[in-house]
C-alpha cells in the first residue's frame, strides 16, 4: 500500500481581510465650527405622529471630528460613526457634499 502525500493549503493560504463594521452614515448641515477640529452637524429627519399620522420634522445634533478644519457653517456634509474620540464626539467627517453660501 502506498502513502499519498496530502498537500496542506495552510502554507499557501492568505489571511482573510478584516471585516469592516457596518457604520452608520448620515448627511446634515454644519451649524457650528467654533471648536478646534470639531464641527456640530444638524441632521433632519421626518417622523410620523403616532395618533394623527402627520409627518413631523425632527432634528438632532452630532459632534464630528474634522481633522483639517475644512468645514464652515452652512456646509452640507456626510459623517460616519467611529470609535469615541472624546466625551461627546463619536462621529467623523467623511466628505463635504456641498459648500454653503457665506454672507
C-alpha atoms as a PDB file:
ATOM      1  CA  UNK A   1       0.000   0.000   0.000  1.00  0.00           C
ATOM      2  CA  UNK A   2       1.394   3.435  -0.938  1.00  0.00           C
ATOM      3  CA  UNK A   3       1.018   6.586   1.051  1.00  0.00           C
ATOM      4  CA  UNK A   4      -0.493   9.538  -0.754  1.00  0.00           C
ATOM      5  CA  UNK A   5       1.010  12.875   0.050  1.00  0.00           C
ATOM      6  CA  UNK A   6      -1.514  15.396   1.141  1.00  0.00           C
ATOM      7  CA  UNK A   7      -0.726  18.999   0.332  1.00  0.00           C
ATOM      8  CA  UNK A   8      -1.746  21.412   3.002  1.00  0.00           C
ATOM      9  CA  UNK A   9      -3.323  24.651   1.974  1.00  0.00           C
ATOM     10  CA  UNK A  10      -2.412  26.310   5.253  1.00  0.00           C
ATOM     11  CA  UNK A  11       1.031  27.234   3.978  1.00  0.00           C
ATOM     12  CA  UNK A  12      -0.302  28.834   0.787  1.00  0.00           C
ATOM     13  CA  UNK A  13      -3.411  30.413   2.258  1.00  0.00           C
ATOM     14  CA  UNK A  14      -3.578  34.171   2.636  1.00  0.00           C
ATOM     15  CA  UNK A  15      -5.357  35.611   5.646  1.00  0.00           C
ATOM     16  CA  UNK A  16      -8.847  36.920   5.017  1.00  0.00           C
ATOM     17  CA  UNK A  17      -9.198  40.712   5.110  1.00  0.00           C
ATOM     18  CA  UNK A  18     -10.609  42.070   8.329  1.00  0.00           C
ATOM     19  CA  UNK A  19     -14.330  42.747   8.212  1.00  0.00           C
ATOM     20  CA  UNK A  20     -15.232  46.408   8.270  1.00  0.00           C
ATOM     21  CA  UNK A  21     -18.102  47.145  10.573  1.00  0.00           C
ATOM     22  CA  UNK A  22     -21.296  48.439   9.033  1.00  0.00           C
ATOM     23  CA  UNK A  23     -21.098  52.033  10.152  1.00  0.00           C
ATOM     24  CA  UNK A  24     -23.984  54.443  10.027  1.00  0.00           C
ATOM     25  CA  UNK A  25     -23.537  57.315   7.563  1.00  0.00           C
ATOM     26  CA  UNK A  26     -25.640  60.486   7.930  1.00  0.00           C
ATOM     27  CA  UNK A  27     -25.952  63.679   5.911  1.00  0.00           C
ATOM     28  CA  UNK A  28     -26.555  67.017   7.594  1.00  0.00           C
ATOM     29  CA  UNK A  29     -25.764  70.705   7.772  1.00  0.00           C
ATOM     30  CA  UNK A  30     -22.907  72.266   9.769  1.00  0.00           C
ATOM     31  CA  UNK A  31     -24.314  74.649  12.384  1.00  0.00           C
ATOM     32  CA  UNK A  32     -21.112  75.359  14.334  1.00  0.00           C
ATOM     33  CA  UNK A  33     -17.373  75.238  13.636  1.00  0.00           C
ATOM     34  CA  UNK A  34     -16.105  77.222  16.621  1.00  0.00           C
ATOM     35  CA  UNK A  35     -14.221  74.335  18.239  1.00  0.00           C
ATOM     36  CA  UNK A  36     -10.801  73.188  17.049  1.00  0.00           C
ATOM     37  CA  UNK A  37     -11.080  70.071  14.805  1.00  0.00           C
ATOM     38  CA  UNK A  38     -14.760  69.677  15.744  1.00  0.00           C
ATOM     39  CA  UNK A  39     -17.970  70.563  13.942  1.00  0.00           C
ATOM     40  CA  UNK A  40     -21.577  70.337  15.075  1.00  0.00           C
ATOM     41  CA  UNK A  41     -23.840  68.804  12.432  1.00  0.00           C
ATOM     42  CA  UNK A  42     -27.634  69.035  12.474  1.00  0.00           C
ATOM     43  CA  UNK A  43     -29.384  66.055  10.864  1.00  0.00           C
ATOM     44  CA  UNK A  44     -33.069  66.477   9.992  1.00  0.00           C
ATOM     45  CA  UNK A  45     -35.488  63.586   9.593  1.00  0.00           C
ATOM     46  CA  UNK A  46     -39.244  63.096   9.280  1.00  0.00           C
ATOM     47  CA  UNK A  47     -41.242  61.155  11.828  1.00  0.00           C
ATOM     48  CA  UNK A  48     -44.918  60.262  11.732  1.00  0.00           C
ATOM     49  CA  UNK A  49     -47.122  61.331  14.613  1.00  0.00           C
ATOM     50  CA  UNK A  50     -48.342  58.210  16.409  1.00  0.00           C
ATOM     51  CA  UNK A  51     -52.024  59.259  16.533  1.00  0.00           C
ATOM     52  CA  UNK A  52     -52.573  61.704  13.670  1.00  0.00           C
ATOM     53  CA  UNK A  53     -50.079  60.209  11.152  1.00  0.00           C
ATOM     54  CA  UNK A  54     -48.853  63.642  10.120  1.00  0.00           C
ATOM     55  CA  UNK A  55     -45.169  63.960   9.258  1.00  0.00           C
ATOM     56  CA  UNK A  56     -43.243  65.963  11.835  1.00  0.00           C
ATOM     57  CA  UNK A  57     -39.801  67.401  11.102  1.00  0.00           C
ATOM     58  CA  UNK A  58     -37.291  66.470  13.795  1.00  0.00           C
ATOM     59  CA  UNK A  59     -33.580  67.181  14.120  1.00  0.00           C
ATOM     60  CA  UNK A  60     -30.605  66.008  16.134  1.00  0.00           C
ATOM     61  CA  UNK A  61     -27.130  67.476  16.682  1.00  0.00           C
ATOM     62  CA  UNK A  62     -23.957  65.422  16.360  1.00  0.00           C
ATOM     63  CA  UNK A  63     -20.377  66.458  17.125  1.00  0.00           C
ATOM     64  CA  UNK A  64     -17.996  65.225  14.425  1.00  0.00           C
ATOM     65  CA  UNK A  65     -14.216  65.196  14.046  1.00  0.00           C
ATOM     66  CA  UNK A  66     -12.889  67.480  11.267  1.00  0.00           C
ATOM     67  CA  UNK A  67      -9.115  66.944  11.096  1.00  0.00           C
ATOM     68  CA  UNK A  68      -8.264  69.790   8.681  1.00  0.00           C
ATOM     69  CA  UNK A  69     -10.852  72.322   9.949  1.00  0.00           C
ATOM     70  CA  UNK A  70     -12.191  72.379   6.371  1.00  0.00           C
ATOM     71  CA  UNK A  71     -15.892  72.833   7.140  1.00  0.00           C
ATOM     72  CA  UNK A  72     -17.648  76.142   7.594  1.00  0.00           C
ATOM     73  CA  UNK A  73     -21.138  76.987   8.859  1.00  0.00           C
ATOM     74  CA  UNK A  74     -23.751  76.196   6.223  1.00  0.00           C
ATOM     75  CA  UNK A  75     -21.875  73.345   4.506  1.00  0.00           C
ATOM     76  CA  UNK A  76     -23.712  70.110   3.805  1.00  0.00           C
ATOM     77  CA  UNK A  77     -21.552  67.207   4.982  1.00  0.00           C
ATOM     78  CA  UNK A  78     -21.583  63.434   5.277  1.00  0.00           C
ATOM     79  CA  UNK A  79     -20.488  61.979   8.636  1.00  0.00           C
ATOM     80  CA  UNK A  80     -19.737  58.418   9.712  1.00  0.00           C
ATOM     81  CA  UNK A  81     -19.864  56.622  13.051  1.00  0.00           C
ATOM     82  CA  UNK A  82     -16.490  55.969  14.639  1.00  0.00           C
ATOM     83  CA  UNK A  83     -14.867  54.980  17.881  1.00  0.00           C
ATOM     84  CA  UNK A  84     -15.220  57.514  20.714  1.00  0.00           C
ATOM     85  CA  UNK A  85     -12.823  60.386  20.042  1.00  0.00           C
ATOM     86  CA  UNK A  86     -13.809  62.411  23.100  1.00  0.00           C
ATOM     87  CA  UNK A  87     -16.617  62.524  25.650  1.00  0.00           C
ATOM     88  CA  UNK A  88     -19.290  63.631  23.160  1.00  0.00           C
ATOM     89  CA  UNK A  89     -17.568  63.114  19.796  1.00  0.00           C
ATOM     90  CA  UNK A  90     -18.341  59.723  18.193  1.00  0.00           C
ATOM     91  CA  UNK A  91     -18.545  60.753  14.532  1.00  0.00           C
ATOM     92  CA  UNK A  92     -16.009  61.763  11.884  1.00  0.00           C
ATOM     93  CA  UNK A  93     -16.267  63.783   8.706  1.00  0.00           C
ATOM     94  CA  UNK A  94     -16.355  61.723   5.511  1.00  0.00           C
ATOM     95  CA  UNK A  95     -16.806  64.422   2.891  1.00  0.00           C
ATOM     96  CA  UNK A  96     -18.180  67.853   2.179  1.00  0.00           C
ATOM     97  CA  UNK A  97     -21.158  67.319  -0.123  1.00  0.00           C
ATOM     98  CA  UNK A  98     -21.855  70.994  -0.843  1.00  0.00           C
ATOM     99  CA  UNK A  99     -20.239  74.222   0.271  1.00  0.00           C
ATOM    100  CA  UNK A 100     -22.573  76.685   1.995  1.00  0.00           C
ATOM    101  CA  UNK A 101     -23.100  80.279   0.991  1.00  0.00           C
ATOM    102  CA  UNK A 102     -21.003  82.677   3.118  1.00  0.00           C
ATOM    103  CA  UNK A 103     -22.654  86.026   3.812  1.00  0.00           C
END
